[in-house]
Amino acid sequence: MNLLDRTLRFHLSTEGRKALRGLVPATGSFQARVVSQEELGLLVNRRSTKVKRLSESVPVMLLRWDYIATMTFDYQPGGAPTRPPIGFREI
């Protein structure tokens, strides 16, 4: 699933809560926008404002996959994926 540019609510694991002490609330969940999705985890921006220019730098934080207990967001399914028609094609 592509999480890029979505705002998610994160609930951290016990390990994640310890590792990110001082960067995230001590209890409960927090919201952040996904800037990039990497093998190690998600790069997130906790600011609520959107970046206006691509050249503008923003602070990001790596949320390792093992630090995330769960994440929630509003899902809007897209239409059914389109497939090419079956049969002969003109070359």
PDB file of N, CA and C in Angstrom:
ATOM      1  N   MET A   1       0.845  -1.169   0.000  1.00  0.00           N
ATOM      2  CA  MET A   1       0.000   0.000   0.000  1.00  0.00           C
ATOM      3  C   MET A   1       0.894   1.236   0.000  1.00  0.00           C
ATOM      4  N   ASN A   2       0.549   2.179  -0.802  1.00  0.00           N
ATOM      5  CA  ASN A   2       1.307   3.420  -0.885  1.00  0.00           C
ATOM      6  C   ASN A   2       0.815   4.384   0.197  1.00  0.00           C
ATOM      7  N   LEU A   3       1.670   4.686   1.145  1.00  0.00           N
ATOM      8  CA  LEU A   3       1.319   5.589   2.244  1.00  0.00           C
ATOM      9  C   LEU A   3       1.844   7.003   2.032  1.00  0.00           C
ATOM     10  N   LEU A   4       2.529   7.214   0.928  1.00  0.00           N
ATOM     11  CA  LEU A   4       3.167   8.497   0.646  1.00  0.00           C
ATOM     12  C   LEU A   4       2.165   9.643   0.644  1.00  0.00           C
ATOM     13  N   ASP A   5       2.501  10.709   1.338  1.00  0.00           N
ATOM     14  CA  ASP A   5       1.717  11.943   1.422  1.00  0.00           C
ATOM     15  C   ASP A   5       0.370  11.767   2.120  1.00  0.00           C
ATOM     16  N   ARG A   6       0.231  10.741   2.936  1.00  0.00           N
ATOM     17  CA  ARG A   6      -0.980  10.549   3.743  1.00  0.00           C
ATOM     18  C   ARG A   6      -0.684  10.962   5.178  1.00  0.00           C
ATOM     19  N   THR A   7      -1.686  11.473   5.851  1.00  0.00           N
ATOM     20  CA  THR A   7      -1.561  11.770   7.270  1.00  0.00           C
ATOM     21  C   THR A   7      -2.120  10.581   8.032  1.00  0.00           C
ATOM     22  N   LEU A   8      -1.279   9.995   8.872  1.00  0.00           N
ATOM     23  CA  LEU A   8      -1.641   8.803   9.626  1.00  0.00           C
ATOM     24  C   LEU A   8      -1.568   9.079  11.115  1.00  0.00           C
ATOM     25  N   ARG A   9      -2.290   8.284  11.886  1.00  0.00           N
ATOM     26  CA  ARG A   9      -2.193   8.325  13.346  1.00  0.00           C
ATOM     27  C   ARG A   9      -1.407   7.094  13.759  1.00  0.00           C
ATOM     28  N   PHE A  10      -0.288   7.305  14.449  1.00  0.00           N
ATOM     29  CA  PHE A  10       0.614   6.234  14.841  1.00  0.00           C
ATOM     30  C   PHE A  10       0.449   5.883  16.314  1.00  0.00           C
ATOM     31  N   HIS A  11       0.436   4.591  16.593  1.00  0.00           N
ATOM     32  CA  HIS A  11       0.469   4.045  17.946  1.00  0.00           C
ATOM     33  C   HIS A  11       1.768   3.252  18.010  1.00  0.00           C
ATOM     34  N   LEU A  12       2.656   3.609  18.931  1.00  0.00           N
ATOM     35  CA  LEU A  12       3.981   3.003  18.972  1.00  0.00           C
ATOM     36  C   LEU A  12       4.036   1.768  19.861  1.00  0.00           C
ATOM     37  N   SER A  13       4.983   0.894  19.536  1.00  0.00           N
ATOM     38  CA  SER A  13       5.274  -0.257  20.383  1.00  0.00           C
ATOM     39  C   SER A  13       6.023   0.249  21.620  1.00  0.00           C
ATOM     40  N   THR A  14       6.183  -0.608  22.614  1.00  0.00           N
ATOM     41  CA  THR A  14       6.925  -0.228  23.817  1.00  0.00           C
ATOM     42  C   THR A  14       8.354   0.158  23.463  1.00  0.00           C
ATOM     43  N   GLU A  15       8.976  -0.610  22.579  1.00  0.00           N
ATOM     44  CA  GLU A  15      10.341  -0.311  22.127  1.00  0.00           C
ATOM     45  C   GLU A  15      10.394   1.047  21.422  1.00  0.00           C
ATOM     46  N   GLY A  16       9.418   1.312  20.573  1.00  0.00           N
ATOM     47  CA  GLY A  16       9.366   2.583  19.857  1.00  0.00           C
ATOM     48  C   GLY A  16       9.171   3.758  20.793  1.00  0.00           C
ATOM     49  N   ARG A  17       8.330   3.579  21.791  1.00  0.00           N
ATOM     50  CA  ARG A  17       8.073   4.642  22.771  1.00  0.00           C
ATOM     51  C   ARG A  17       9.367   4.988  23.515  1.00  0.00           C
ATOM     52  N   LYS A  18      10.155   3.951  23.877  1.00  0.00           N
ATOM     53  CA  LYS A  18      11.429   4.187  24.580  1.00  0.00           C
ATOM     54  C   LYS A  18      12.443   4.866  23.664  1.00  0.00           C
ATOM     55  N   ALA A  19      12.554   4.391  22.432  1.00  0.00           N
ATOM     56  CA  ALA A  19      13.551   4.925  21.497  1.00  0.00           C
ATOM     57  C   ALA A  19      13.259   6.371  21.107  1.00  0.00           C
ATOM     58  N   LEU A  20      11.990   6.731  21.030  1.00  0.00           N
ATOM     59  CA  LEU A  20      11.609   8.071  20.565  1.00  0.00           C
ATOM     60  C   LEU A  20      11.178   8.992  21.701  1.00  0.00           C
ATOM     61  N   ARG A  21      11.567   8.633  22.933  1.00  0.00           N
ATOM     62  CA  ARG A  21      11.217   9.447  24.102  1.00  0.00           C
ATOM     63  C   ARG A  21      11.683  10.883  23.873  1.00  0.00           C
ATOM     64  N   GLY A  22      10.801  11.820  24.102  1.00  0.00           N
ATOM     65  CA  GLY A  22      11.122  13.236  23.912  1.00  0.00           C
ATOM     66  C   GLY A  22      10.777  13.752  22.523  1.00  0.00           C
ATOM     67  N   LEU A  23      10.632  12.858  21.556  1.00  0.00           N
ATOM     68  CA  LEU A  23      10.274  13.270  20.194  1.00  0.00           C
ATOM     69  C   LEU A  23       8.786  13.104  19.912  1.00  0.00           C
ATOM     70  N   VAL A  24       8.153  12.211  20.671  1.00  0.00           N
ATOM     71  CA  VAL A  24       6.722  11.943  20.497  1.00  0.00           C
ATOM     72  C   VAL A  24       6.063  12.037  21.874  1.00  0.00           C
ATOM     73  N   PRO A  25       4.741  12.167  21.928  1.00  0.00           N
ATOM     74  CA  PRO A  25       4.066  12.223  23.228  1.00  0.00           C
ATOM     75  C   PRO A  25       4.376  10.977  24.069  1.00  0.00           C
ATOM     76  N   ALA A  26       4.468  11.150  25.377  1.00  0.00           N
ATOM     77  CA  ALA A  26       4.808  10.044  26.280  1.00  0.00           C
ATOM     78  C   ALA A  26       3.733   8.960  26.290  1.00  0.00           C
ATOM     79  N   THR A  27       2.489   9.340  26.070  1.00  0.00           N
ATOM     80  CA  THR A  27       1.400   8.359  26.031  1.00  0.00           C
ATOM     81  C   THR A  27       0.500   8.666  24.840  1.00  0.00           C
ATOM     82  N   GLY A  28      -0.291   7.696  24.475  1.00  0.00           N
ATOM     83  CA  GLY A  28      -1.250   7.886  23.393  1.00  0.00           C
ATOM     84  C   GLY A  28      -0.613   7.836  22.016  1.00  0.00           C
ATOM     85  N   SER A  29      -1.338   8.357  21.055  1.00  0.00           N
ATOM     86  CA  SER A  29      -0.902   8.309  19.663  1.00  0.00           C
ATOM     87  C   SER A  29      -0.537   9.714  19.187  1.00  0.00           C
ATOM     88  N   PHE A  30      -0.016   9.790  17.969  1.00  0.00           N
ATOM     89  CA  PHE A  30       0.298  11.087  17.379  1.00  0.00           C
ATOM     90  C   PHE A  30       0.095  11.001  15.877  1.00  0.00           C
ATOM     91  N   GLN A  31      -0.137  12.154  15.249  1.00  0.00           N
ATOM     92  CA  GLN A  31      -0.334  12.227  13.806  1.00  0.00           C
ATOM     93  C   GLN A  31       0.926  12.724  13.127  1.00  0.00           C
ATOM     94  N   ALA A  32       1.161  12.206  11.931  1.00  0.00           N
ATOM     95  CA  ALA A  32       2.287  12.668  11.121  1.00  0.00           C
ATOM     96  C   ALA A  32       1.986  12.354   9.661  1.00  0.00           C
ATOM     97  N   ARG A  33       2.601  13.136   8.772  1.00  0.00           N
ATOM     98  CA  ARG A  33       2.435  12.927   7.329  1.00  0.00           C
ATOM     99  C   ARG A  33       3.621  12.134   6.815  1.00  0.00           C
ATOM    100  N   VAL A  34       3.352  11.113   6.016  1.00  0.00           N
ATOM    101  CA  VAL A  34       4.405  10.266   5.460  1.00  0.00           C
ATOM    102  C   VAL A  34       5.061  10.993   4.289  1.00  0.00           C
ATOM    103  N   VAL A  35       6.375  11.190   4.395  1.00  0.00           N
ATOM    104  CA  VAL A  35       7.146  11.876   3.368  1.00  0.00           C
ATOM    105  C   VAL A  35       7.795  10.866   2.431  1.00  0.00           C
ATOM    106  N   SER A  36       8.214   9.727   2.997  1.00  0.00           N
ATOM    107  CA  SER A  36       8.873   8.693   2.202  1.00  0.00           C
ATOM    108  C   SER A  36       8.680   7.345   2.879  1.00  0.00           C
ATOM    109  N   GLN A  37       8.620   6.308   2.068  1.00  0.00           N
ATOM    110  CA  GLN A  37       8.458   4.948   2.570  1.00  0.00           C
ATOM    111  C   GLN A  37       9.727   4.177   2.216  1.00  0.00           C
ATOM    112  N   GLU A  38      10.469   3.728   3.233  1.00  0.00           N
ATOM    113  CA  GLU A  38      11.761   3.081   3.046  1.00  0.00           C
ATOM    114  C   GLU A  38      11.725   1.651   3.575  1.00  0.00           C
ATOM    115  N   GLU A  39      12.784   0.891   3.299  1.00  0.00           N
ATOM    116  CA  GLU A  39      12.885  -0.476   3.810  1.00  0.00           C
ATOM    117  C   GLU A  39      12.885  -0.518   5.329  1.00  0.00           C
ATOM    118  N   LEU A  40      13.573   0.432   5.952  1.00  0.00           N
ATOM    119  CA  LEU A  40      13.674   0.466   7.416  1.00  0.00           C
ATOM    120  C   LEU A  40      12.398   0.941   8.093  1.00  0.00           C
ATOM    121  N   GLY A  41      11.612   1.752   7.397  1.00  0.00           N
ATOM    122  CA  GLY A  41      10.406   2.304   7.995  1.00  0.00           C
ATOM    123  C   GLY A  41       9.901   3.497   7.205  1.00  0.00           C
ATOM    124  N   LEU A  42       9.214   4.378   7.897  1.00  0.00           N
ATOM    125  CA  LEU A  42       8.618   5.551   7.264  1.00  0.00           C
ATOM    126  C   LEU A  42       9.333   6.819   7.704  1.00  0.00           C
ATOM    127  N   LEU A  43       9.592   7.714   6.758  1.00  0.00           N
ATOM    128  CA  LEU A  43      10.062   9.055   7.100  1.00  0.00           C
ATOM    129  C   LEU A  43       8.817   9.918   7.224  1.00  0.00           C
ATOM    130  N   VAL A  44       8.629  10.526   8.393  1.00  0.00           N
ATOM    131  CA  VAL A  44       7.409  11.290   8.647  1.00  0.00           C
ATOM    132  C   VAL A  44       7.740  12.715   9.058  1.00  0.00           C
ATOM    133  N   ASN A  45       6.788  13.593   8.798  1.00  0.00           N
ATOM    134  CA  ASN A  45       6.869  15.004   9.164  1.00  0.00           C
ATOM    135  C   ASN A  45       5.723  15.264  10.125  1.00  0.00           C
ATOM    136  N   ARG A  46       6.029  15.732  11.327  1.00  0.00           N
ATOM    137  CA  ARG A  46       4.993  15.971  12.329  1.00  0.00           C
ATOM    138  C   ARG A  46       4.349  17.339  12.194  1.00  0.00           C
ATOM    139  N   ARG A  47       4.889  18.212  11.332  1.00  0.00           N
ATOM    140  CA  ARG A  47       4.271  19.526  11.101  1.00  0.00           C
ATOM    141  C   ARG A  47       2.903  19.343  10.479  1.00  0.00           C
ATOM    142  N   SER A  48       1.988  20.252  10.785  1.00  0.00           N
ATOM    143  CA  SER A  48       0.649  20.156  10.195  1.00  0.00           C
ATOM    144  C   SER A  48       0.545  20.907   8.874  1.00  0.00           C
ATOM    145  N   THR A  49       1.509  21.772   8.583  1.00  0.00           N
ATOM    146  CA  THR A  49       1.421  22.551   7.346  1.00  0.00           C
ATOM    147  C   THR A  49       2.099  21.814   6.202  1.00  0.00           C
ATOM    148  N   LYS A  50       1.557  21.972   5.017  1.00  0.00           N
ATOM    149  CA  LYS A  50       2.143  21.343   3.826  1.00  0.00           C
ATOM    150  C   LYS A  50       3.293  22.195   3.309  1.00  0.00           C
ATOM    151  N   VAL A  51       4.226  21.540   2.690  1.00  0.00           N
ATOM    152  CA  VAL A  51       5.362  22.234   2.085  1.00  0.00           C
ATOM    153  C   VAL A  51       4.872  22.933   0.829  1.00  0.00           C
ATOM    154  N   LYS A  52       5.218  24.209   0.674  1.00  0.00           N
ATOM    155  CA  LYS A  52       4.741  24.974  -0.477  1.00  0.00           C
ATOM    156  C   LYS A  52       5.645  24.820  -1.686  1.00  0.00           C
ATOM    157  N   ARG A  53       6.944  24.677  -1.459  1.00  0.00           N
ATOM    158  CA  ARG A  53       7.898  24.539  -2.564  1.00  0.00           C
ATOM    159  C   ARG A  53       8.692  23.258  -2.372  1.00  0.00           C
ATOM    160  N   LEU A  54       9.037  22.621  -3.480  1.00  0.00           N
ATOM    161  CA  LEU A  54       9.820  21.394  -3.404  1.00  0.00           C
ATOM    162  C   LEU A  54      11.202  21.629  -2.819  1.00  0.00           C
ATOM    163  N   SER A  55      11.744  22.826  -2.999  1.00  0.00           N
ATOM    164  CA  SER A  55      13.087  23.112  -2.497  1.00  0.00           C
ATOM    165  C   SER A  55      13.092  23.402  -0.995  1.00  0.00           C
ATOM    166  N   GLU A  56      11.924  23.605  -0.409  1.00  0.00           N
ATOM    167  CA  GLU A  56      11.840  23.910   1.017  1.00  0.00           C
ATOM    168  C   GLU A  56      12.155  22.653   1.829  1.00  0.00           C
ATOM    169  N   SER A  57      13.062  22.777   2.788  1.00  0.00           N
ATOM    170  CA  SER A  57      13.406  21.612   3.608  1.00  0.00           C
ATOM    171  C   SER A  57      12.436  21.509   4.782  1.00  0.00           C
ATOM    172  N   VAL A  58      12.155  20.295   5.184  1.00  0.00           N
ATOM    173  CA  VAL A  58      11.257  20.043   6.303  1.00  0.00           C
ATOM    174  C   VAL A  58      11.916  19.040   7.242  1.00  0.00           C
ATOM    175  N   PRO A  59      11.653  19.158   8.542  1.00  0.00           N
ATOM    176  CA  PRO A  59      12.209  18.180   9.475  1.00  0.00           C
ATOM    177  C   PRO A  59      11.449  16.859   9.362  1.00  0.00           C
ATOM    178  N   VAL A  60      12.185  15.771   9.274  1.00  0.00           N
ATOM    179  CA  VAL A  60      11.558  14.452   9.201  1.00  0.00           C
ATOM    180  C   VAL A  60      12.140  13.553  10.286  1.00  0.00           C
ATOM    181  N   MET A  61      11.418  12.487  10.590  1.00  0.00           N
ATOM    182  CA  MET A  61      11.830  11.526  11.597  1.00  0.00           C
ATOM    183  C   MET A  61      11.605  10.133  11.020  1.00  0.00           C
ATOM    184  N   LEU A  62      12.554   9.234  11.234  1.00  0.00           N
ATOM    185  CA  LEU A  62      12.400   7.853  10.783  1.00  0.00           C
ATOM    186  C   LEU A  62      11.639   7.071  11.835  1.00  0.00           C
ATOM    187  N   LEU A  63      10.506   6.517  11.450  1.00  0.00           N
ATOM    188  CA  LEU A  63       9.759   5.597  12.304  1.00  0.00           C
ATOM    189  C   LEU A  63      10.039   4.196  11.788  1.00  0.00           C
ATOM    190  N   ARG A  64      10.886   3.472  12.493  1.00  0.00           N
ATOM    191  CA  ARG A  64      11.204   2.111  12.063  1.00  0.00           C
ATOM    192  C   ARG A  64       9.953   1.246  12.161  1.00  0.00           C
ATOM    193  N   TRP A  65       9.844   0.265  11.265  1.00  0.00           N
ATOM    194  CA  TRP A  65       8.670  -0.605  11.246  1.00  0.00           C
ATOM    195  C   TRP A  65       8.452  -1.265  12.606  1.00  0.00           C
ATOM    196  N   ASP A  66       9.539  -1.681  13.281  1.00  0.00           N
ATOM    197  CA  ASP A  66       9.373  -2.355  14.571  1.00  0.00           C
ATOM    198  C   ASP A  66       8.998  -1.390  15.696  1.00  0.00           C
ATOM    199  N   TYR A  67       9.033  -0.088  15.465  1.00  0.00           N
ATOM    200  CA  TYR A  67       8.584   0.892  16.452  1.00  0.00           C
ATOM    201  C   TYR A  67       7.074   1.127  16.374  1.00  0.00           C
ATOM    202  N   ILE A  68       6.460   0.729  15.280  1.00  0.00           N
ATOM    203  CA  ILE A  68       5.032   0.995  15.060  1.00  0.00           C
ATOM    204  C   ILE A  68       4.212  -0.212  15.494  1.00  0.00           C
ATOM    205  N   ALA A  69       3.327  -0.012  16.489  1.00  0.00           N
ATOM    206  CA  ALA A  69       2.411  -1.072  16.898  1.00  0.00           C
ATOM    207  C   ALA A  69       1.266  -1.149  15.892  1.00  0.00           C
ATOM    208  N   THR A  70       0.719   0.005  15.560  1.00  0.00           N
ATOM    209  CA  THR A  70      -0.327   0.083  14.538  1.00  0.00           C
ATOM    210  C   THR A  70      -0.416   1.524  14.042  1.00  0.00           C
ATOM    211  N   MET A  71      -1.051   1.684  12.896  1.00  0.00           N
ATOM    212  CA  MET A  71      -1.296   3.022  12.365  1.00  0.00           C
ATOM    213  C   MET A  71      -2.690   3.035  11.766  1.00  0.00           C
ATOM    214  N   THR A  72      -3.355   4.161  11.878  1.00  0.00           N
ATOM    215  CA  THR A  72      -4.717   4.276  11.369  1.00  0.00           C
ATOM    216  C   THR A  72      -4.823   5.490  10.459  1.00  0.00           C
ATOM    217  N   PHE A  73      -5.735   5.381   9.496  1.00  0.00           N
ATOM    218  CA  PHE A  73      -6.011   6.494   8.592  1.00  0.00           C
ATOM    219  C   PHE A  73      -7.321   6.212   7.885  1.00  0.00           C
ATOM    220  N   ASP A  74      -7.887   7.239   7.255  1.00  0.00           N
ATOM    221  CA  ASP A  74      -9.120   7.088   6.482  1.00  0.00           C
ATOM    222  C   ASP A  74      -8.759   6.565   5.106  1.00  0.00           C
ATOM    223  N   TYR A  75      -9.290   5.409   4.770  1.00  0.00           N
ATOM    224  CA  TYR A  75      -8.969   4.756   3.498  1.00  0.00           C
ATOM    225  C   TYR A  75     -10.083   5.001   2.500  1.00  0.00           C
ATOM    226  N   GLN A  76      -9.717   5.475   1.321  1.00  0.00           N
ATOM    227  CA  GLN A  76     -10.681   5.668   0.245  1.00  0.00           C
ATOM    228  C   GLN A  76     -10.259   4.780  -0.915  1.00  0.00           C
ATOM    229  N   PRO A  77     -10.969   3.681  -1.124  1.00  0.00           N
ATOM    230  CA  PRO A  77     -10.569   2.780  -2.205  1.00  0.00           C
ATOM    231  C   PRO A  77     -10.750   3.430  -3.567  1.00  0.00           C
ATOM    232  N   GLY A  78      -9.804   3.162  -4.439  1.00  0.00           N
ATOM    233  CA  GLY A  78      -9.902   3.653  -5.815  1.00  0.00           C
ATOM    234  C   GLY A  78     -10.793   2.718  -6.614  1.00  0.00           C
ATOM    235  N   GLY A  79     -10.978   3.029  -7.862  1.00  0.00           N
ATOM    236  CA  GLY A  79     -11.761   2.166  -8.730  1.00  0.00           C
ATOM    237  C   GLY A  79     -11.036   0.852  -8.976  1.00  0.00           C
ATOM    238  N   ALA A  80     -11.722  -0.071  -9.578  1.00  0.00           N
ATOM    239  CA  ALA A  80     -11.113  -1.361  -9.895  1.00  0.00           C
ATOM    240  C   ALA A  80      -9.950  -1.152 -10.858  1.00  0.00           C
ATOM    241  N   PRO A  81      -8.861  -1.890 -10.659  1.00  0.00           N
ATOM    242  CA  PRO A  81      -7.723  -1.726 -11.571  1.00  0.00           C
ATOM    243  C   PRO A  81      -8.115  -2.112 -12.994  1.00  0.00           C
ATOM    244  N   THR A  82      -7.641  -1.353 -13.951  1.00  0.00           N
ATOM    245  CA  THR A  82      -7.972  -1.638 -15.344  1.00  0.00           C
ATOM    246  C   THR A  82      -6.976  -2.634 -15.911  1.00  0.00           C
ATOM    247  N   ARG A  83      -7.493  -3.539 -16.712  1.00  0.00           N
ATOM    248  CA  ARG A  83      -6.654  -4.540 -17.367  1.00  0.00           C
ATOM    249  C   ARG A  83      -6.823  -4.400 -18.863  1.00  0.00           C
ATOM    250  N   PRO A  84      -5.777  -4.709 -19.593  1.00  0.00           N
ATOM    251  CA  PRO A  84      -5.921  -4.654 -21.049  1.00  0.00           C
ATOM    252  C   PRO A  84      -6.909  -5.725 -21.510  1.00  0.00           C
ATOM    253  N   PRO A  85      -7.638  -5.464 -22.589  1.00  0.00           N
ATOM    254  CA  PRO A  85      -8.602  -6.445 -23.076  1.00  0.00           C
ATOM    255  C   PRO A  85      -7.897  -7.730 -23.522  1.00  0.00           C
ATOM    256  N   ILE A  86      -8.600  -8.825 -23.374  1.00  0.00           N
ATOM    257  CA  ILE A  86      -8.071 -10.120 -23.795  1.00  0.00           C
ATOM    258  C   ILE A  86      -8.398 -10.312 -25.270  1.00  0.00           C
ATOM    259  N   GLY A  87      -7.459 -10.826 -26.018  1.00  0.00           N
ATOM    260  CA  GLY A  87      -7.719 -11.081 -27.432  1.00  0.00           C
ATOM    261  C   GLY A  87      -6.580 -10.599 -28.300  1.00  0.00           C
ATOM    262  N   PHE A  88      -6.853 -10.546 -29.581  1.00  0.00           N
ATOM    263  CA  PHE A  88      -5.831 -10.140 -30.539  1.00  0.00           C
ATOM    264  C   PHE A  88      -5.670  -8.631 -30.526  1.00  0.00           C
ATOM    265  N   ARG A  89      -4.419  -8.208 -30.745  1.00  0.00           N
ATOM    266  CA  ARG A  89      -4.142  -6.782 -30.854  1.00  0.00           C
ATOM    267  C   ARG A  89      -3.478  -6.528 -32.189  1.00  0.00           C
ATOM    268  N   GLU A  90      -3.748  -5.379 -32.729  1.00  0.00           N
ATOM    269  CA  GLU A  90      -3.120  -4.986 -33.980  1.00  0.00           C
ATOM    270  C   GLU A  90      -1.727  -4.454 -33.670  1.00  0.00           C
ATOM    271  N   ILE A  91      -0.750  -4.909 -34.418  1.00  0.00           N
ATOM    272  CA  ILE A  91       0.639  -4.494 -34.190  1.00  0.00           C
ATOM    273  C   ILE A  91       1.051  -3.451 -35.186  1.00  0.00           C
TER     274      ILE A  91
END
